[in-house]
Amino acid sequence: MPGGLIETAVSSRESRDDRQSNLLATSGRLRLVPYSCAFCGEENEVFVDPSGGRRQTFTEDCTVCCRPNMITLTVDDDGDVHLQVTQEYEA
């Protein structure tokens, strides 16, 4: 949704079962997680690095419109990944 806050959650079980071809979903390894651009709404993917900690904030440019998305990522006790995506300009 352009101009708004977008939240995404990807469970470990869903990642392994439904998105196996798109994820490197073993514990302690990089995972590829989808998100929608906060500007144009197009789907993008971002690598999640577990060595970065349980809460990470970083900027990722959209592969379609090239605008900066601020991504706040949290990993819960079950290993589920939650993304909050906002326009970097709002931060």
N, C-alpha and C. Protein backbone atom coordinates (compact mmCIF):
# COMPACT_ATOMS: atom_id res chain seq x y z
N MET A 1 0.83 -1.18 0.00
CA MET A 1 0.00 0.00 0.00
C MET A 1 0.88 1.24 0.00
N PRO A 2 0.90 1.98 -1.04
CA PRO A 2 1.73 3.17 -1.10
C PRO A 2 1.37 4.16 0.01
N GLY A 3 2.43 4.77 0.58
CA GLY A 3 2.23 5.81 1.57
C GLY A 3 1.86 5.32 2.95
N GLY A 4 1.85 4.02 3.16
CA GLY A 4 1.44 3.52 4.46
C GLY A 4 2.42 2.55 5.06
N LEU A 5 2.05 2.10 6.22
CA LEU A 5 2.82 1.12 6.95
C LEU A 5 2.41 -0.26 6.48
N ILE A 6 3.38 -1.09 6.24
CA ILE A 6 3.09 -2.45 5.79
C ILE A 6 3.76 -3.40 6.77
N GLU A 7 3.01 -4.37 7.27
CA GLU A 7 3.58 -5.36 8.17
C GLU A 7 3.44 -6.73 7.55
N THR A 8 4.47 -7.52 7.70
CA THR A 8 4.49 -8.86 7.15
C THR A 8 5.00 -9.81 8.22
N ALA A 9 4.40 -10.97 8.30
CA ALA A 9 4.90 -12.01 9.21
C ALA A 9 5.10 -13.28 8.40
N VAL A 10 6.21 -13.93 8.62
CA VAL A 10 6.49 -15.19 7.95
C VAL A 10 6.87 -16.18 9.03
N SER A 11 6.08 -17.22 9.19
CA SER A 11 6.39 -18.20 10.22
C SER A 11 7.42 -19.18 9.69
N SER A 12 8.17 -19.77 10.60
CA SER A 12 9.17 -20.75 10.22
C SER A 12 8.51 -21.92 9.51
N ARG A 13 7.37 -22.36 10.01
CA ARG A 13 6.67 -23.49 9.40
C ARG A 13 6.21 -23.14 7.99
N GLU A 14 5.61 -21.96 7.81
CA GLU A 14 5.18 -21.54 6.49
C GLU A 14 6.38 -21.43 5.56
N SER A 15 7.48 -20.91 6.05
CA SER A 15 8.67 -20.74 5.24
C SER A 15 9.17 -22.08 4.73
N ARG A 16 9.23 -23.06 5.61
CA ARG A 16 9.74 -24.37 5.21
C ARG A 16 8.76 -25.10 4.29
N ASP A 17 7.48 -25.03 4.61
CA ASP A 17 6.50 -25.82 3.87
C ASP A 17 6.06 -25.17 2.57
N ASP A 18 5.71 -23.90 2.61
CA ASP A 18 5.08 -23.24 1.47
C ASP A 18 6.03 -22.44 0.60
N ARG A 19 7.16 -22.03 1.12
CA ARG A 19 8.05 -21.15 0.37
C ARG A 19 9.45 -21.74 0.27
N GLN A 20 9.54 -23.07 0.28
CA GLN A 20 10.84 -23.74 0.31
C GLN A 20 11.75 -23.27 -0.81
N SER A 21 11.21 -23.08 -2.00
CA SER A 21 12.05 -22.68 -3.12
C SER A 21 12.57 -21.26 -2.99
N ASN A 22 11.92 -20.41 -2.19
CA ASN A 22 12.33 -19.02 -2.07
C ASN A 22 13.11 -18.71 -0.80
N LEU A 23 13.25 -19.69 0.08
CA LEU A 23 13.88 -19.42 1.37
C LEU A 23 15.06 -20.34 1.62
N LEU A 24 16.03 -19.81 2.29
CA LEU A 24 17.10 -20.62 2.84
C LEU A 24 16.76 -20.72 4.31
N ALA A 25 15.80 -21.59 4.64
CA ALA A 25 15.10 -21.49 5.92
C ALA A 25 15.63 -22.39 7.02
N THR A 26 16.90 -22.68 7.03
CA THR A 26 17.42 -23.45 8.14
C THR A 26 17.92 -22.50 9.21
N SER A 27 17.83 -22.93 10.43
CA SER A 27 18.22 -22.09 11.56
C SER A 27 19.67 -21.66 11.43
N GLY A 28 19.92 -20.38 11.70
CA GLY A 28 21.27 -19.86 11.65
C GLY A 28 21.76 -19.49 10.27
N ARG A 29 20.91 -19.58 9.27
CA ARG A 29 21.30 -19.25 7.91
C ARG A 29 20.44 -18.11 7.39
N LEU A 30 20.90 -17.51 6.31
CA LEU A 30 20.13 -16.43 5.69
C LEU A 30 18.79 -16.95 5.20
N ARG A 31 17.77 -16.11 5.32
CA ARG A 31 16.44 -16.41 4.79
C ARG A 31 16.04 -15.30 3.84
N LEU A 32 15.34 -15.65 2.79
CA LEU A 32 14.79 -14.68 1.86
C LEU A 32 13.32 -14.49 2.21
N VAL A 33 12.94 -13.27 2.61
CA VAL A 33 11.59 -12.99 3.09
C VAL A 33 10.95 -11.92 2.20
N PRO A 34 9.71 -12.15 1.75
CA PRO A 34 9.03 -11.18 0.89
C PRO A 34 8.46 -10.00 1.70
N TYR A 35 8.39 -8.84 1.04
CA TYR A 35 7.72 -7.67 1.61
C TYR A 35 7.20 -6.82 0.45
N SER A 36 6.22 -5.97 0.74
CA SER A 36 5.68 -5.06 -0.27
C SER A 36 6.28 -3.68 -0.07
N CYS A 37 6.67 -3.03 -1.16
CA CYS A 37 7.25 -1.69 -1.11
C CYS A 37 6.24 -0.72 -0.51
N ALA A 38 6.70 0.12 0.42
CA ALA A 38 5.83 1.10 1.07
C ALA A 38 5.45 2.24 0.12
N PHE A 39 6.13 2.35 -1.01
CA PHE A 39 5.84 3.40 -1.99
C PHE A 39 4.92 2.90 -3.11
N CYS A 40 5.38 1.87 -3.83
CA CYS A 40 4.63 1.44 -5.02
C CYS A 40 3.83 0.16 -4.81
N GLY A 41 4.05 -0.53 -3.69
CA GLY A 41 3.29 -1.73 -3.38
C GLY A 41 3.79 -3.00 -4.05
N GLU A 42 4.82 -2.91 -4.86
CA GLU A 42 5.34 -4.10 -5.53
C GLU A 42 6.03 -5.03 -4.53
N GLU A 43 5.93 -6.33 -4.80
CA GLU A 43 6.58 -7.30 -3.93
C GLU A 43 8.08 -7.31 -4.17
N ASN A 44 8.83 -7.31 -3.08
CA ASN A 44 10.28 -7.40 -3.08
C ASN A 44 10.66 -8.52 -2.12
N GLU A 45 11.93 -8.83 -2.06
CA GLU A 45 12.43 -9.81 -1.10
C GLU A 45 13.69 -9.26 -0.44
N VAL A 46 13.87 -9.64 0.80
CA VAL A 46 15.04 -9.19 1.55
C VAL A 46 15.62 -10.39 2.29
N PHE A 47 16.94 -10.44 2.36
CA PHE A 47 17.59 -11.48 3.13
C PHE A 47 17.57 -11.12 4.61
N VAL A 48 17.23 -12.08 5.45
CA VAL A 48 17.25 -11.92 6.89
C VAL A 48 18.49 -12.65 7.39
N ASP A 49 19.36 -11.92 8.08
CA ASP A 49 20.58 -12.49 8.62
C ASP A 49 20.41 -12.69 10.12
N PRO A 50 20.27 -13.94 10.59
CA PRO A 50 20.04 -14.18 12.00
C PRO A 50 21.17 -13.68 12.90
N SER A 51 22.37 -13.52 12.37
CA SER A 51 23.49 -13.05 13.18
C SER A 51 23.35 -11.56 13.52
N GLY A 52 22.40 -10.87 12.88
CA GLY A 52 22.17 -9.46 13.14
C GLY A 52 21.34 -9.19 14.39
N GLY A 53 20.86 -10.24 15.03
CA GLY A 53 20.09 -10.08 16.26
C GLY A 53 18.60 -10.27 16.03
N ARG A 54 17.86 -10.26 17.13
CA ARG A 54 16.42 -10.51 17.09
C ARG A 54 15.63 -9.30 16.62
N ARG A 55 16.23 -8.12 16.65
CA ARG A 55 15.58 -6.90 16.15
C ARG A 55 16.59 -6.14 15.30
N GLN A 56 16.21 -5.88 14.07
CA GLN A 56 17.10 -5.20 13.13
C GLN A 56 16.33 -4.11 12.41
N THR A 57 16.99 -3.00 12.13
CA THR A 57 16.40 -1.92 11.33
C THR A 57 17.40 -1.56 10.25
N PHE A 58 16.93 -1.51 9.01
CA PHE A 58 17.81 -1.20 7.89
C PHE A 58 16.99 -0.64 6.74
N THR A 59 17.67 -0.09 5.75
CA THR A 59 17.01 0.47 4.57
C THR A 59 17.29 -0.42 3.38
N GLU A 60 16.25 -0.69 2.61
CA GLU A 60 16.36 -1.51 1.40
C GLU A 60 15.64 -0.78 0.28
N ASP A 61 16.32 -0.56 -0.84
CA ASP A 61 15.69 0.10 -1.99
C ASP A 61 14.79 -0.88 -2.73
N CYS A 62 13.63 -0.40 -3.16
CA CYS A 62 12.70 -1.20 -3.95
C CYS A 62 13.36 -1.55 -5.29
N THR A 63 13.19 -2.79 -5.72
CA THR A 63 13.77 -3.22 -6.99
C THR A 63 12.99 -2.68 -8.19
N VAL A 64 11.80 -2.13 -7.95
CA VAL A 64 10.97 -1.60 -9.04
C VAL A 64 11.08 -0.08 -9.13
N CYS A 65 10.75 0.62 -8.03
CA CYS A 65 10.72 2.09 -8.06
C CYS A 65 11.98 2.74 -7.48
N CYS A 66 12.87 1.94 -6.91
CA CYS A 66 14.17 2.38 -6.37
C CYS A 66 14.06 3.31 -5.16
N ARG A 67 12.90 3.43 -4.55
CA ARG A 67 12.76 4.27 -3.37
C ARG A 67 13.14 3.50 -2.11
N PRO A 68 13.60 4.23 -1.07
CA PRO A 68 14.09 3.57 0.13
C PRO A 68 12.98 3.15 1.10
N ASN A 69 12.96 1.87 1.43
CA ASN A 69 12.04 1.33 2.42
C ASN A 69 12.80 1.10 3.72
N MET A 70 12.28 1.61 4.83
CA MET A 70 12.88 1.33 6.12
C MET A 70 12.21 0.07 6.66
N ILE A 71 13.00 -0.93 6.92
CA ILE A 71 12.49 -2.22 7.36
C ILE A 71 12.92 -2.46 8.80
N THR A 72 11.94 -2.73 9.65
CA THR A 72 12.21 -3.14 11.02
C THR A 72 11.81 -4.60 11.11
N LEU A 73 12.77 -5.42 11.45
CA LEU A 73 12.60 -6.86 11.46
C LEU A 73 12.73 -7.37 12.88
N THR A 74 11.82 -8.23 13.30
CA THR A 74 11.94 -8.88 14.59
C THR A 74 11.74 -10.38 14.41
N VAL A 75 12.44 -11.14 15.21
CA VAL A 75 12.31 -12.60 15.20
C VAL A 75 11.82 -12.99 16.58
N ASP A 76 10.68 -13.70 16.64
CA ASP A 76 10.14 -14.08 17.94
C ASP A 76 10.76 -15.39 18.43
N ASP A 77 10.31 -15.85 19.60
CA ASP A 77 10.89 -17.04 20.23
C ASP A 77 10.70 -18.31 19.40
N ASP A 78 9.67 -18.34 18.55
CA ASP A 78 9.42 -19.50 17.69
C ASP A 78 10.20 -19.44 16.39
N GLY A 79 10.94 -18.35 16.17
CA GLY A 79 11.69 -18.20 14.93
C GLY A 79 10.90 -17.54 13.82
N ASP A 80 9.68 -17.09 14.13
CA ASP A 80 8.87 -16.40 13.13
C ASP A 80 9.44 -15.01 12.88
N VAL A 81 9.48 -14.61 11.62
CA VAL A 81 10.02 -13.31 11.22
C VAL A 81 8.86 -12.34 10.99
N HIS A 82 8.94 -11.15 11.60
CA HIS A 82 7.93 -10.11 11.43
C HIS A 82 8.62 -8.88 10.85
N LEU A 83 8.06 -8.36 9.75
CA LEU A 83 8.61 -7.17 9.12
C LEU A 83 7.62 -6.02 9.24
N GLN A 84 8.15 -4.85 9.51
CA GLN A 84 7.37 -3.61 9.47
C GLN A 84 8.08 -2.73 8.45
N VAL A 85 7.37 -2.34 7.40
CA VAL A 85 7.98 -1.59 6.30
C VAL A 85 7.33 -0.21 6.22
N THR A 86 8.16 0.84 6.26
CA THR A 86 7.68 2.21 6.14
C THR A 86 8.52 2.95 5.11
N GLN A 87 7.99 4.07 4.65
CA GLN A 87 8.78 4.93 3.77
C GLN A 87 9.88 5.55 4.61
N GLU A 88 11.11 5.50 4.12
CA GLU A 88 12.23 6.03 4.91
C GLU A 88 12.03 7.50 5.23
N TYR A 89 11.35 8.23 4.36
CA TYR A 89 11.14 9.66 4.56
C TYR A 89 10.28 9.94 5.78
N GLU A 90 9.43 8.97 6.20
CA GLU A 90 8.55 9.14 7.36
C GLU A 90 9.30 9.01 8.66
N ALA A 91 10.44 8.34 8.64
CA ALA A 91 11.17 8.02 9.89
C ALA A 91 11.80 9.22 10.52
